N, C-alpha and C. Protein backbone atom coordinates (compact mmCIF):
# COMPACT_ATOMS: atom_id res chain seq x y z
N MET A 1 13.84 45.11 -13.10
CA MET A 1 14.91 45.52 -12.41
C MET A 1 14.24 47.28 -12.12
N TYR A 2 14.93 47.53 -10.92
CA TYR A 2 14.52 48.85 -10.31
C TYR A 2 15.87 49.24 -9.92
N HIS A 3 16.06 50.76 -10.31
CA HIS A 3 17.37 51.45 -9.94
C HIS A 3 17.21 52.87 -9.59
N PHE A 4 17.87 53.43 -8.74
CA PHE A 4 17.94 54.99 -8.92
C PHE A 4 19.36 55.52 -8.82
N SER A 5 19.42 56.59 -9.18
CA SER A 5 21.09 57.32 -8.91
C SER A 5 21.16 58.04 -7.89
N SER A 6 22.69 58.33 -7.51
CA SER A 6 22.90 58.97 -6.18
C SER A 6 24.27 59.37 -6.42
N ARG A 7 24.83 60.26 -5.50
CA ARG A 7 26.39 60.63 -5.45
C ARG A 7 26.74 60.25 -3.91
N VAL A 8 27.91 59.85 -3.76
CA VAL A 8 28.40 59.57 -2.48
C VAL A 8 28.74 60.87 -1.77
N ARG A 9 27.89 61.01 -0.78
CA ARG A 9 27.94 62.25 0.33
C ARG A 9 28.97 62.28 1.40
N PHE A 10 29.31 63.22 1.77
CA PHE A 10 30.46 63.28 2.77
C PHE A 10 29.72 62.50 4.11
N SER A 11 28.64 62.63 4.41
CA SER A 11 27.86 62.16 5.63
C SER A 11 27.70 60.60 5.43
N GLU A 12 28.21 60.10 4.33
CA GLU A 12 27.92 58.56 4.02
C GLU A 12 29.41 58.02 3.95
N THR A 13 30.44 58.88 4.35
CA THR A 13 31.73 58.19 4.15
C THR A 13 32.46 57.85 5.20
N ASN A 14 33.41 56.96 5.44
CA ASN A 14 34.42 56.52 6.35
C ASN A 14 35.55 57.50 6.36
N GLU A 15 36.50 57.21 7.34
CA GLU A 15 37.70 57.91 7.48
C GLU A 15 38.75 57.84 6.25
N LYS A 16 38.30 56.96 5.53
CA LYS A 16 39.10 56.93 3.93
C LYS A 16 38.33 57.75 2.86
N LYS A 17 37.21 58.41 3.18
CA LYS A 17 36.26 59.14 2.26
C LYS A 17 35.76 58.24 1.19
N GLU A 18 35.59 57.00 1.66
CA GLU A 18 34.94 56.11 0.81
C GLU A 18 33.52 55.70 1.47
N LEU A 19 32.72 55.21 0.87
CA LEU A 19 31.35 54.97 1.00
C LEU A 19 31.43 53.93 2.37
N ALA A 20 30.81 54.21 3.39
CA ALA A 20 31.06 53.30 4.53
C ALA A 20 30.11 52.02 4.17
N LEU A 21 30.37 50.90 4.85
CA LEU A 21 29.65 49.74 4.60
C LEU A 21 28.03 49.92 5.17
N THR A 22 27.87 50.31 6.14
CA THR A 22 26.64 50.87 6.88
C THR A 22 25.87 51.77 5.69
N ALA A 23 26.44 52.44 5.12
CA ALA A 23 25.85 53.25 4.01
C ALA A 23 25.47 52.56 2.89
N VAL A 24 26.22 51.55 2.64
CA VAL A 24 25.83 50.60 1.39
C VAL A 24 24.55 49.80 1.92
N VAL A 25 24.46 49.34 2.90
CA VAL A 25 23.37 48.65 3.58
C VAL A 25 22.09 49.84 3.47
N ASP A 26 22.13 50.79 3.95
CA ASP A 26 21.28 51.97 3.89
C ASP A 26 20.71 52.19 2.62
N TYR A 27 21.48 52.07 1.38
CA TYR A 27 21.12 52.47 0.11
C TYR A 27 20.49 51.06 -0.38
N PHE A 28 20.87 49.92 0.08
CA PHE A 28 20.11 48.86 -0.67
C PHE A 28 18.71 48.59 0.30
N GLN A 29 18.50 48.91 1.36
CA GLN A 29 17.27 49.11 2.01
C GLN A 29 16.42 50.18 1.22
N ASP A 30 16.91 51.19 1.23
CA ASP A 30 16.14 52.54 0.51
C ASP A 30 15.58 52.07 -0.88
N CYS A 31 16.71 51.22 -1.52
CA CYS A 31 16.20 50.87 -2.72
C CYS A 31 15.18 50.12 -3.01
N SER A 32 15.12 49.14 -2.33
CA SER A 32 13.94 48.05 -2.28
C SER A 32 12.58 48.74 -1.58
N THR A 33 12.76 49.82 -0.76
CA THR A 33 11.64 50.54 -0.28
C THR A 33 10.94 51.41 -1.25
N PHE A 34 11.88 51.98 -1.99
CA PHE A 34 11.51 52.75 -2.99
C PHE A 34 10.62 51.96 -4.06
N GLN A 35 11.21 50.74 -4.27
CA GLN A 35 10.41 49.97 -5.57
C GLN A 35 9.02 49.54 -5.06
N THR A 36 9.08 49.12 -3.67
CA THR A 36 7.52 48.55 -3.18
C THR A 36 6.73 49.86 -3.29
N GLU A 37 7.25 50.90 -2.96
CA GLU A 37 6.48 52.23 -2.81
C GLU A 37 5.69 52.51 -4.22
N ASP A 38 6.72 52.53 -5.13
CA ASP A 38 6.45 52.95 -6.63
C ASP A 38 5.48 51.84 -7.31
N LEU A 39 5.61 50.65 -6.76
CA LEU A 39 4.77 49.50 -7.17
C LEU A 39 3.46 49.57 -6.45
N GLU A 40 3.35 50.55 -5.55
CA GLU A 40 2.17 50.61 -4.78
C GLU A 40 1.71 49.23 -3.88
N VAL A 41 3.00 48.53 -3.40
CA VAL A 41 2.59 47.56 -2.38
C VAL A 41 3.61 47.92 -1.17
N GLY A 42 3.92 48.94 -0.87
CA GLY A 42 4.59 49.45 0.26
C GLY A 42 3.96 49.69 1.47
N PHE A 43 4.03 50.41 2.33
CA PHE A 43 3.46 50.70 3.62
C PHE A 43 1.89 50.94 3.60
N SER A 44 1.59 51.40 2.49
CA SER A 44 0.12 51.59 2.08
C SER A 44 -0.54 50.35 2.15
N TYR A 45 0.11 49.56 1.44
CA TYR A 45 -0.72 48.05 1.18
C TYR A 45 -0.46 47.22 2.32
N LEU A 46 0.76 47.15 2.95
CA LEU A 46 0.95 46.18 3.98
C LEU A 46 0.48 46.66 5.22
N GLU A 47 0.44 47.73 5.85
CA GLU A 47 -0.14 48.28 7.27
C GLU A 47 -1.31 47.73 7.35
N PRO A 48 -2.34 48.00 6.57
CA PRO A 48 -3.88 47.79 6.59
C PRO A 48 -4.29 46.20 6.82
N ARG A 49 -3.17 45.53 6.30
CA ARG A 49 -3.26 44.12 6.19
C ARG A 49 -2.37 43.39 7.31
N GLY A 50 -2.04 44.52 8.28
CA GLY A 50 -1.00 43.81 9.34
C GLY A 50 0.26 42.94 8.75
N LEU A 51 0.60 43.38 7.64
CA LEU A 51 2.08 42.65 7.26
C LEU A 51 3.10 43.53 7.25
N THR A 52 4.47 42.88 7.16
CA THR A 52 5.60 43.52 6.89
C THR A 52 6.69 42.62 6.36
N TRP A 53 7.56 43.09 5.63
CA TRP A 53 8.71 42.28 5.32
C TRP A 53 9.95 42.34 6.14
N VAL A 54 10.48 41.40 6.71
CA VAL A 54 11.77 41.33 7.66
C VAL A 54 12.66 40.67 7.04
N LEU A 55 13.83 41.23 7.18
CA LEU A 55 15.19 40.62 6.65
C LEU A 55 15.65 39.66 7.49
N SER A 56 16.04 38.39 6.97
CA SER A 56 16.43 37.18 7.27
C SER A 56 18.08 37.00 7.12
N TYR A 57 18.50 37.33 5.92
CA TYR A 57 19.70 37.10 5.76
C TYR A 57 20.23 38.19 4.57
N TRP A 58 21.64 38.56 4.60
CA TRP A 58 22.34 39.46 3.98
C TRP A 58 23.69 38.52 3.48
N GLN A 59 24.03 38.85 2.29
CA GLN A 59 25.34 38.37 1.70
C GLN A 59 25.78 39.57 0.74
N ILE A 60 26.64 40.44 1.25
CA ILE A 60 27.17 41.57 0.49
C ILE A 60 28.58 41.27 0.05
N VAL A 61 28.95 41.50 -1.33
CA VAL A 61 30.16 41.22 -1.61
C VAL A 61 30.91 42.52 -2.21
N ILE A 62 31.97 42.99 -1.87
CA ILE A 62 32.61 44.42 -2.21
C ILE A 62 33.56 44.39 -3.06
N GLU A 63 33.65 44.45 -4.50
CA GLU A 63 34.81 44.58 -5.17
C GLU A 63 35.65 45.88 -4.98
N GLU A 64 35.02 46.94 -4.67
CA GLU A 64 35.17 48.44 -4.60
C GLU A 64 34.51 49.27 -3.96
N TYR A 65 34.83 50.11 -2.97
CA TYR A 65 34.14 51.04 -2.36
C TYR A 65 34.08 52.48 -2.99
N PRO A 66 32.91 53.00 -3.52
CA PRO A 66 32.89 54.23 -4.20
C PRO A 66 33.58 55.39 -3.35
N LYS A 67 34.09 56.51 -3.74
CA LYS A 67 34.82 57.48 -3.08
C LYS A 67 33.70 58.58 -2.99
N LEU A 68 33.99 59.62 -1.87
CA LEU A 68 33.37 60.93 -1.99
C LEU A 68 33.13 61.66 -3.30
N GLY A 69 31.77 62.05 -3.53
CA GLY A 69 31.41 62.61 -4.78
C GLY A 69 31.42 61.77 -6.11
N GLU A 70 31.49 60.55 -5.81
CA GLU A 70 31.30 60.00 -6.98
C GLU A 70 29.99 59.44 -7.37
N GLU A 71 29.45 59.49 -8.67
CA GLU A 71 28.31 59.12 -9.25
C GLU A 71 27.90 57.64 -8.97
N ILE A 72 26.96 57.15 -8.61
CA ILE A 72 26.66 55.88 -8.41
C ILE A 72 25.13 55.45 -8.83
N ARG A 73 24.96 54.19 -9.07
CA ARG A 73 23.33 53.85 -9.45
C ARG A 73 23.36 52.69 -8.33
N ILE A 74 22.08 52.69 -7.74
CA ILE A 74 21.91 51.43 -6.81
C ILE A 74 20.53 50.62 -7.44
N GLY A 75 20.46 49.48 -7.73
CA GLY A 75 19.60 48.50 -8.04
C GLY A 75 19.36 47.50 -7.41
N THR A 76 17.97 46.77 -7.43
CA THR A 76 17.54 45.80 -6.86
C THR A 76 16.59 44.92 -7.82
N LEU A 77 16.33 43.70 -7.82
CA LEU A 77 15.53 42.85 -8.50
C LEU A 77 15.20 41.62 -7.64
N PRO A 78 13.75 41.34 -7.55
CA PRO A 78 13.53 39.88 -7.05
C PRO A 78 13.60 39.23 -7.92
N TYR A 79 14.10 37.83 -7.28
CA TYR A 79 14.15 36.75 -8.31
C TYR A 79 13.79 35.33 -7.89
N ASP A 80 13.12 35.41 -6.74
CA ASP A 80 12.51 33.89 -6.24
C ASP A 80 11.59 34.17 -4.99
N PHE A 81 10.46 33.59 -5.06
CA PHE A 81 9.73 33.51 -3.84
C PHE A 81 9.24 32.02 -3.70
N LYS A 82 8.81 31.81 -2.44
CA LYS A 82 8.38 30.47 -1.94
C LYS A 82 7.79 30.64 -0.67
N SER A 83 6.22 30.04 -0.57
CA SER A 83 5.85 30.21 0.54
C SER A 83 5.75 31.70 1.13
N PHE A 84 6.47 31.85 2.29
CA PHE A 84 6.51 33.31 3.02
C PHE A 84 7.80 33.68 2.91
N LEU A 85 8.87 33.18 1.91
CA LEU A 85 10.00 33.80 1.52
C LEU A 85 10.29 34.54 0.39
N GLY A 86 11.14 35.71 0.14
CA GLY A 86 11.31 36.26 -1.03
C GLY A 86 12.63 36.34 -0.99
N ARG A 87 13.50 36.29 -2.14
CA ARG A 87 14.78 36.40 -2.31
C ARG A 87 14.97 37.79 -3.23
N ARG A 88 16.01 38.31 -3.14
CA ARG A 88 16.14 39.82 -3.77
C ARG A 88 17.61 40.11 -4.00
N ASN A 89 18.20 40.38 -5.18
CA ASN A 89 19.44 40.78 -5.32
C ASN A 89 19.39 42.41 -5.31
N PHE A 90 20.81 43.01 -5.10
CA PHE A 90 21.02 44.28 -4.95
C PHE A 90 22.45 44.52 -5.78
N PHE A 91 22.54 45.58 -6.20
CA PHE A 91 23.84 46.23 -6.73
C PHE A 91 24.33 47.57 -6.75
N LEU A 92 25.49 47.84 -6.87
CA LEU A 92 25.85 49.30 -6.74
C LEU A 92 26.84 49.46 -7.82
N GLU A 93 26.30 50.11 -9.03
CA GLU A 93 27.42 50.51 -10.12
C GLU A 93 28.03 51.97 -9.99
N LYS A 94 29.04 51.77 -10.58
CA LYS A 94 30.09 53.03 -10.62
C LYS A 94 30.48 52.88 -12.33
N GLU A 95 30.35 53.86 -13.02
CA GLU A 95 30.75 53.82 -14.34
C GLU A 95 30.32 52.62 -15.42
N GLY A 96 28.92 52.25 -14.88
CA GLY A 96 28.66 51.05 -15.79
C GLY A 96 28.93 49.68 -14.94
N ARG A 97 30.00 49.60 -14.12
CA ARG A 97 30.44 48.45 -13.46
C ARG A 97 29.68 48.03 -12.08
N LYS A 98 29.35 46.94 -11.96
CA LYS A 98 28.80 46.62 -10.55
C LYS A 98 30.02 46.20 -9.69
N ILE A 99 30.23 47.25 -8.68
CA ILE A 99 31.37 47.05 -7.81
C ILE A 99 30.78 46.64 -6.51
N ILE A 100 29.69 46.62 -6.03
CA ILE A 100 29.28 45.87 -4.96
C ILE A 100 27.79 45.11 -5.63
N LYS A 101 27.81 43.74 -5.08
CA LYS A 101 26.78 42.92 -5.39
C LYS A 101 26.30 42.58 -3.93
N ALA A 102 24.76 41.90 -3.99
CA ALA A 102 24.29 41.40 -2.62
C ALA A 102 22.99 40.53 -2.90
N ASP A 103 22.92 39.58 -2.05
CA ASP A 103 21.84 38.65 -2.28
C ASP A 103 21.08 38.75 -0.79
N SER A 104 19.80 38.67 -0.71
CA SER A 104 19.24 38.78 0.66
C SER A 104 17.86 37.80 0.53
N LEU A 105 17.41 37.38 1.78
CA LEU A 105 16.18 36.67 1.97
C LEU A 105 15.40 37.34 2.83
N TRP A 106 14.14 37.44 2.44
CA TRP A 106 13.22 38.37 3.11
C TRP A 106 11.99 37.16 3.61
N THR A 107 11.48 37.63 4.78
CA THR A 107 10.34 37.02 5.32
C THR A 107 9.09 37.77 5.54
N LEU A 108 7.81 37.38 4.92
CA LEU A 108 6.66 38.16 5.16
C LEU A 108 5.98 37.56 6.48
N LEU A 109 5.83 38.95 7.45
CA LEU A 109 5.35 38.53 8.61
C LEU A 109 3.92 39.11 9.02
N ASP A 110 3.07 38.27 9.44
CA ASP A 110 1.98 38.87 10.24
C ASP A 110 2.15 39.45 11.51
N LEU A 111 2.01 40.66 11.67
CA LEU A 111 2.40 41.36 12.97
C LEU A 111 1.51 41.11 13.95
N LYS A 112 0.24 40.82 13.67
CA LYS A 112 -0.56 40.40 15.13
C LYS A 112 -0.23 38.94 15.49
N ALA A 113 -0.05 38.04 14.61
CA ALA A 113 0.38 36.61 14.99
C ALA A 113 1.93 36.46 15.36
N MET A 114 2.79 37.63 14.83
CA MET A 114 4.16 37.61 14.74
C MET A 114 4.61 36.07 14.13
N ARG A 115 4.18 35.84 13.12
CA ARG A 115 4.69 34.64 12.58
C ARG A 115 4.61 34.79 10.89
N PRO A 116 5.41 34.06 10.42
CA PRO A 116 5.40 34.14 8.81
C PRO A 116 4.04 33.77 8.29
N VAL A 117 3.75 34.56 7.22
CA VAL A 117 2.49 34.44 6.38
C VAL A 117 2.75 34.31 4.84
N LYS A 118 2.11 33.32 4.18
CA LYS A 118 2.15 33.10 2.87
C LYS A 118 2.14 34.49 2.02
N ILE A 119 2.93 34.42 1.10
CA ILE A 119 2.89 35.68 0.14
C ILE A 119 1.66 35.82 -0.73
N PRO A 120 0.88 36.73 -0.45
CA PRO A 120 -0.53 36.79 -1.53
C PRO A 120 0.05 36.85 -2.93
N GLY A 121 -1.01 36.13 -3.58
CA GLY A 121 -0.60 35.93 -5.12
C GLY A 121 -0.47 37.39 -5.74
N GLU A 122 -1.34 38.28 -5.26
CA GLU A 122 -1.23 39.85 -6.05
C GLU A 122 0.17 40.39 -5.78
N LEU A 123 0.62 39.82 -4.96
CA LEU A 123 2.06 40.51 -4.44
C LEU A 123 3.12 39.99 -5.43
N LEU A 124 2.91 38.67 -5.75
CA LEU A 124 3.84 37.83 -6.52
C LEU A 124 3.56 38.51 -8.04
N GLU A 125 2.48 38.72 -8.21
CA GLU A 125 2.09 39.07 -9.78
C GLU A 125 2.83 40.57 -9.90
N VAL A 126 2.76 41.19 -9.09
CA VAL A 126 3.35 42.70 -8.85
C VAL A 126 4.84 42.91 -9.28
N TYR A 127 5.53 41.99 -8.39
CA TYR A 127 6.92 41.69 -8.23
C TYR A 127 7.51 41.16 -9.65
N GLY A 128 6.89 39.97 -10.05
CA GLY A 128 7.37 38.94 -11.17
C GLY A 128 8.84 38.54 -10.58
N LYS A 129 9.37 37.97 -11.42
CA LYS A 129 10.90 37.22 -11.22
C LYS A 129 11.62 37.73 -12.26
N GLU A 130 12.78 37.95 -11.88
CA GLU A 130 13.81 38.51 -12.60
C GLU A 130 14.93 37.26 -12.67
N GLU A 131 16.03 37.58 -13.70
CA GLU A 131 17.16 36.53 -13.61
C GLU A 131 18.13 37.04 -12.46
N LYS A 132 18.58 36.56 -11.64
CA LYS A 132 19.36 36.56 -10.48
C LYS A 132 20.74 36.98 -11.17
N LEU A 133 21.57 37.91 -10.12
CA LEU A 133 22.86 38.34 -10.60
C LEU A 133 23.74 37.22 -10.55
N GLU A 134 24.80 37.25 -11.34
CA GLU A 134 25.95 36.30 -11.25
C GLU A 134 27.19 36.74 -9.95
N MET A 135 27.02 35.81 -9.16
CA MET A 135 27.90 35.92 -8.02
C MET A 135 27.83 34.37 -7.39
N GLU A 136 28.97 34.37 -6.41
CA GLU A 136 28.94 33.08 -5.70
C GLU A 136 27.85 33.36 -4.43
N TYR A 137 26.88 32.51 -4.47
CA TYR A 137 25.90 32.49 -3.51
C TYR A 137 26.47 31.51 -2.36
N LEU A 138 26.34 32.00 -1.01
CA LEU A 138 27.04 31.13 0.28
C LEU A 138 25.71 30.64 0.89
N PRO A 139 25.90 29.63 1.70
CA PRO A 139 24.79 29.19 2.72
C PRO A 139 24.17 30.31 3.52
N ARG A 140 23.32 30.30 4.06
CA ARG A 140 22.51 31.07 4.98
C ARG A 140 23.14 30.97 6.22
N LYS A 141 23.55 29.71 6.65
CA LYS A 141 23.91 29.37 7.93
C LYS A 141 25.20 29.69 7.98
N ILE A 142 25.81 30.54 9.12
CA ILE A 142 27.01 30.93 9.35
C ILE A 142 27.59 29.99 10.59
N PRO A 143 28.55 29.40 10.27
CA PRO A 143 29.20 28.77 11.22
C PRO A 143 30.14 29.59 12.20
N VAL A 144 30.01 29.37 13.68
CA VAL A 144 30.69 30.59 14.51
C VAL A 144 31.87 29.66 15.14
N VAL A 145 33.29 30.21 14.40
CA VAL A 145 34.38 29.46 14.88
C VAL A 145 35.21 30.33 15.46
N GLY A 146 36.41 30.14 16.24
CA GLY A 146 37.47 30.90 16.74
C GLY A 146 37.12 31.11 18.15
N LYS A 147 38.07 31.90 18.76
CA LYS A 147 38.25 31.96 20.31
C LYS A 147 37.27 33.18 20.56
N GLU A 148 36.42 32.79 21.56
CA GLU A 148 35.33 33.84 21.93
C GLU A 148 35.77 34.84 22.88
N LYS A 149 35.43 36.19 22.57
CA LYS A 149 35.68 37.17 23.57
C LYS A 149 34.33 38.03 23.60
N GLU A 150 34.23 38.14 24.93
CA GLU A 150 32.72 38.88 25.41
C GLU A 150 33.20 40.18 25.49
N GLU A 151 32.18 41.31 24.77
CA GLU A 151 32.39 42.55 24.73
C GLU A 151 31.44 43.33 25.79
N ASN A 152 31.73 44.50 26.16
CA ASN A 152 30.75 45.25 27.14
C ASN A 152 29.12 45.21 26.41
N PRO A 153 28.19 44.97 27.28
CA PRO A 153 26.84 44.99 26.68
C PRO A 153 26.49 46.40 26.46
N LEU A 154 25.32 46.40 25.68
CA LEU A 154 24.76 47.86 25.47
C LEU A 154 23.31 47.71 25.35
N LYS A 155 22.46 48.95 25.94
CA LYS A 155 21.10 48.79 26.02
C LYS A 155 20.51 49.45 24.71
N ILE A 156 19.50 48.82 24.06
CA ILE A 156 18.87 49.33 22.84
C ILE A 156 18.04 50.67 23.08
N GLU A 157 18.46 51.60 22.46
CA GLU A 157 17.81 52.97 22.68
C GLU A 157 16.90 53.39 21.46
N LYS A 158 16.16 54.34 21.64
CA LYS A 158 15.27 54.68 20.46
C LYS A 158 15.81 54.72 19.03
N HIS A 159 17.26 55.40 19.21
CA HIS A 159 17.84 55.78 17.65
C HIS A 159 18.09 54.41 17.10
N HIS A 160 18.21 53.15 17.56
CA HIS A 160 18.46 52.00 17.24
C HIS A 160 17.13 51.34 16.26
N LEU A 161 16.04 51.76 16.55
CA LEU A 161 14.71 51.38 16.11
C LEU A 161 14.41 52.00 14.73
N ASP A 162 13.38 51.17 13.99
CA ASP A 162 12.86 51.66 12.99
C ASP A 162 11.39 51.81 13.04
N CYS A 163 10.65 51.88 11.88
CA CYS A 163 9.03 52.13 11.96
C CYS A 163 8.30 51.19 12.38
N ASN A 164 9.08 49.82 12.65
CA ASN A 164 8.11 48.61 12.82
C ASN A 164 8.52 48.37 14.44
N GLY A 165 9.34 49.29 14.90
CA GLY A 165 9.43 49.17 16.55
C GLY A 165 10.45 48.19 16.91
N HIS A 166 11.56 47.55 16.05
CA HIS A 166 12.48 46.71 16.53
C HIS A 166 13.75 47.34 16.00
N VAL A 167 14.83 46.87 16.21
CA VAL A 167 15.98 47.24 16.06
C VAL A 167 16.28 47.05 14.32
N ASN A 168 16.49 47.98 13.47
CA ASN A 168 16.81 48.02 12.09
C ASN A 168 18.07 47.18 11.79
N ASN A 169 17.74 46.46 10.66
CA ASN A 169 19.00 45.48 10.47
C ASN A 169 20.40 46.10 10.18
N GLY A 170 20.43 47.23 9.58
CA GLY A 170 21.50 48.10 9.51
C GLY A 170 22.21 48.68 10.86
N GLN A 171 21.26 48.87 11.71
CA GLN A 171 21.67 49.11 13.28
C GLN A 171 22.63 47.77 13.84
N TYR A 172 22.36 46.49 13.64
CA TYR A 172 22.87 45.51 14.13
C TYR A 172 24.31 45.69 13.22
N ILE A 173 24.37 45.89 12.05
CA ILE A 173 25.77 45.91 11.36
C ILE A 173 26.71 47.11 12.04
N LYS A 174 26.18 48.12 12.15
CA LYS A 174 26.77 49.23 12.74
C LYS A 174 27.39 48.78 14.02
N ILE A 175 26.58 48.32 14.96
CA ILE A 175 26.79 47.88 16.25
C ILE A 175 28.20 46.80 16.45
N ALA A 176 27.89 46.03 15.41
CA ALA A 176 29.01 44.68 15.22
C ALA A 176 30.27 45.35 14.89
N GLY A 177 30.15 46.26 13.70
CA GLY A 177 31.28 47.06 12.83
C GLY A 177 32.09 47.64 14.08
N SER A 178 31.68 48.13 14.89
CA SER A 178 32.55 48.93 15.92
C SER A 178 33.16 47.93 16.66
N PHE A 179 33.34 46.70 16.50
CA PHE A 179 34.23 45.82 17.26
C PHE A 179 35.33 45.21 16.22
N LEU A 180 35.27 45.56 14.89
CA LEU A 180 36.11 44.95 13.89
C LEU A 180 37.58 45.62 14.21
N PRO A 181 38.81 44.82 14.14
CA PRO A 181 40.23 45.45 14.48
C PRO A 181 40.49 46.35 13.16
N GLU A 182 41.37 47.35 13.72
CA GLU A 182 41.69 48.51 12.96
C GLU A 182 42.36 47.77 11.39
N GLU A 183 42.07 48.69 10.60
CA GLU A 183 42.58 48.29 9.26
C GLU A 183 41.99 47.17 8.68
N PHE A 184 41.01 46.53 9.27
CA PHE A 184 40.22 45.14 8.47
C PHE A 184 39.27 45.86 7.60
N MET A 185 39.84 45.49 6.46
CA MET A 185 38.97 45.84 5.11
C MET A 185 38.05 44.79 4.76
N VAL A 186 36.68 45.18 4.98
CA VAL A 186 35.59 44.16 4.71
C VAL A 186 35.57 44.12 3.09
N LYS A 187 35.61 42.95 2.65
CA LYS A 187 35.08 42.53 1.28
C LYS A 187 34.10 41.64 1.05
N GLN A 188 33.56 41.13 2.23
CA GLN A 188 32.30 40.23 2.14
C GLN A 188 31.82 40.27 3.44
N LEU A 189 30.45 40.50 3.43
CA LEU A 189 29.69 40.41 4.68
C LEU A 189 28.39 39.42 4.60
N ARG A 190 28.32 38.72 5.64
CA ARG A 190 27.12 37.86 5.55
C ARG A 190 26.46 37.89 6.99
N ALA A 191 25.15 38.31 7.13
CA ALA A 191 24.48 38.53 8.40
C ALA A 191 23.18 37.56 8.26
N GLU A 192 23.12 36.94 9.34
CA GLU A 192 22.07 35.92 9.38
C GLU A 192 21.31 36.44 11.02
N TYR A 193 19.88 36.92 10.52
CA TYR A 193 19.14 37.40 11.42
C TYR A 193 18.26 36.31 12.30
N LYS A 194 18.10 36.19 13.60
CA LYS A 194 17.57 35.37 14.45
C LYS A 194 16.50 35.76 15.10
N LYS A 195 16.54 36.95 15.68
CA LYS A 195 15.48 37.39 16.79
C LYS A 195 15.56 38.91 16.66
N GLN A 196 14.37 39.33 17.11
CA GLN A 196 14.25 40.78 16.97
C GLN A 196 14.50 41.31 18.60
N ALA A 197 15.19 42.51 18.52
CA ALA A 197 15.55 43.23 19.66
C ALA A 197 14.69 44.40 19.63
N HIS A 198 14.24 44.93 21.06
CA HIS A 198 13.33 45.99 20.91
C HIS A 198 13.70 46.87 22.07
N LEU A 199 13.13 48.07 22.14
CA LEU A 199 13.54 49.24 22.98
C LEU A 199 13.86 48.75 24.65
N GLY A 200 15.11 49.00 25.09
CA GLY A 200 15.32 48.61 26.57
C GLY A 200 15.84 47.27 26.42
N ASP A 201 15.96 46.49 25.65
CA ASP A 201 16.71 45.03 25.59
C ASP A 201 18.01 45.26 25.60
N MET A 202 18.73 44.29 26.23
CA MET A 202 20.33 44.27 26.31
C MET A 202 20.92 43.47 25.29
N ILE A 203 21.86 44.12 24.63
CA ILE A 203 22.70 43.07 23.58
C ILE A 203 24.11 42.85 24.35
N ILE A 204 24.54 41.57 24.33
CA ILE A 204 25.72 41.04 24.71
C ILE A 204 26.65 40.76 23.42
N PRO A 205 27.60 41.46 23.09
CA PRO A 205 28.29 41.11 21.88
C PRO A 205 29.45 39.97 22.23
N TYR A 206 29.57 39.04 21.51
CA TYR A 206 30.83 38.18 21.57
C TYR A 206 31.44 38.13 20.08
N CYS A 207 32.57 38.02 20.32
CA CYS A 207 33.54 38.18 19.02
C CYS A 207 34.37 36.83 18.95
N TYR A 208 34.48 36.71 17.53
CA TYR A 208 35.47 35.49 17.25
C TYR A 208 36.20 36.02 16.05
N GLU A 209 37.48 35.89 16.35
CA GLU A 209 38.31 36.14 15.24
C GLU A 209 39.38 34.99 14.80
N GLN A 210 39.47 35.04 13.44
CA GLN A 210 40.40 34.00 12.56
C GLN A 210 41.24 34.78 11.79
N GLU A 211 41.93 34.24 11.17
CA GLU A 211 42.73 34.87 9.89
C GLU A 211 41.80 35.32 8.76
N LYS A 212 41.93 36.35 8.42
CA LYS A 212 40.98 37.10 7.22
C LYS A 212 39.59 36.92 7.70
N GLN A 213 39.25 36.74 8.98
CA GLN A 213 37.73 36.68 9.25
C GLN A 213 37.24 37.09 10.74
N PHE A 214 36.12 37.62 10.84
CA PHE A 214 35.60 38.36 12.00
C PHE A 214 34.45 38.12 12.10
N ILE A 215 34.02 37.52 13.22
CA ILE A 215 32.53 37.12 13.60
C ILE A 215 31.99 37.90 14.72
N VAL A 216 30.98 38.44 14.73
CA VAL A 216 30.51 39.11 15.83
C VAL A 216 28.94 38.53 15.96
N VAL A 217 28.74 37.80 17.17
CA VAL A 217 27.26 37.50 17.44
C VAL A 217 26.76 38.36 18.39
N LEU A 218 25.64 38.98 18.37
CA LEU A 218 24.90 39.96 19.17
C LEU A 218 23.81 39.07 19.96
N CYS A 219 23.86 38.99 21.18
CA CYS A 219 22.91 38.12 21.70
C CYS A 219 22.31 38.67 23.07
N ASN A 220 21.07 38.34 23.50
CA ASN A 220 20.36 38.69 24.56
C ASN A 220 20.90 38.22 25.83
N GLU A 221 20.54 38.48 26.98
CA GLU A 221 21.12 38.30 28.26
C GLU A 221 21.22 36.61 28.68
N GLN A 222 20.37 35.93 27.81
CA GLN A 222 20.36 34.23 27.76
C GLN A 222 21.25 33.80 26.86
N LYS A 223 22.05 34.57 26.11
CA LYS A 223 22.90 34.14 25.30
C LYS A 223 22.54 33.83 23.90
N GLU A 224 21.13 34.15 23.72
CA GLU A 224 20.35 33.69 22.42
C GLU A 224 20.67 34.81 21.50
N PRO A 225 21.28 34.20 20.48
CA PRO A 225 21.51 35.34 19.25
C PRO A 225 20.27 36.10 18.73
N TYR A 226 20.59 37.46 18.50
CA TYR A 226 19.63 38.02 17.76
C TYR A 226 20.22 38.30 16.07
N VAL A 227 21.54 38.19 15.84
CA VAL A 227 22.13 38.04 14.88
C VAL A 227 23.56 37.56 14.88
N VAL A 228 23.80 36.91 13.69
CA VAL A 228 25.35 36.37 13.41
C VAL A 228 25.95 36.95 12.24
N ILE A 229 27.00 37.92 12.50
CA ILE A 229 27.28 38.80 11.35
C ILE A 229 29.03 38.13 11.35
N GLU A 230 29.05 37.87 9.80
CA GLU A 230 30.76 37.43 9.42
C GLU A 230 31.27 38.46 8.55
N TYR A 231 32.53 38.78 8.87
CA TYR A 231 33.18 39.73 8.06
C TYR A 231 34.17 39.02 7.48
N LYS A 232 34.73 39.25 6.15
CA LYS A 232 35.75 38.65 5.47
C LYS A 232 36.48 39.64 4.78
N GLN A 233 37.98 39.38 4.87
CA GLN A 233 38.75 40.59 4.11
C GLN A 233 39.05 40.01 2.67
């Protein structure tokens, strides 16, 4: 298990002075990045080999959002590997309680061929496997149900991109979250990533609302999904 401590900053909070959902995602991404760098299998290992990890799926379950100024601890643990796929848990603790838990699925990608590649044995040895967290694990596939509403398209700009040159997974969640109804308190998020968006691409949002559930599908101009994001109250 890998973890680091922090404190909820004003720049990370929402209008309720609680840690924003997008900031939770950023903390989790940073935690896994810190672990790979500390284990010396991060960018300096992956880039010369033309490899990168891309996120395929998020499930984040929120019991409580920490508030401005509170001390928190963020942790992660890899618990399963198969072929080119790796599964990893995350958690956010306050006063020793895990108030946010997450499951994630990652794909090791060959950047030149732009296709998945089997995880090298040396990576498996470095990460090892830990016992996964106790939580309800939901299927990766998200059924899209409800009445469809098309929103205004937006163009991908430089600030949406990460160092891999495509839209960062947290940016999709930030974009989709802007369509949530007011007072919609997210207690669970699932995100299924399907395609990569790049600089200049157009994103067409489609929203589907049901009782206690809101789904946003971010598509290209051919209505092919980049990501399907499900929010539940």
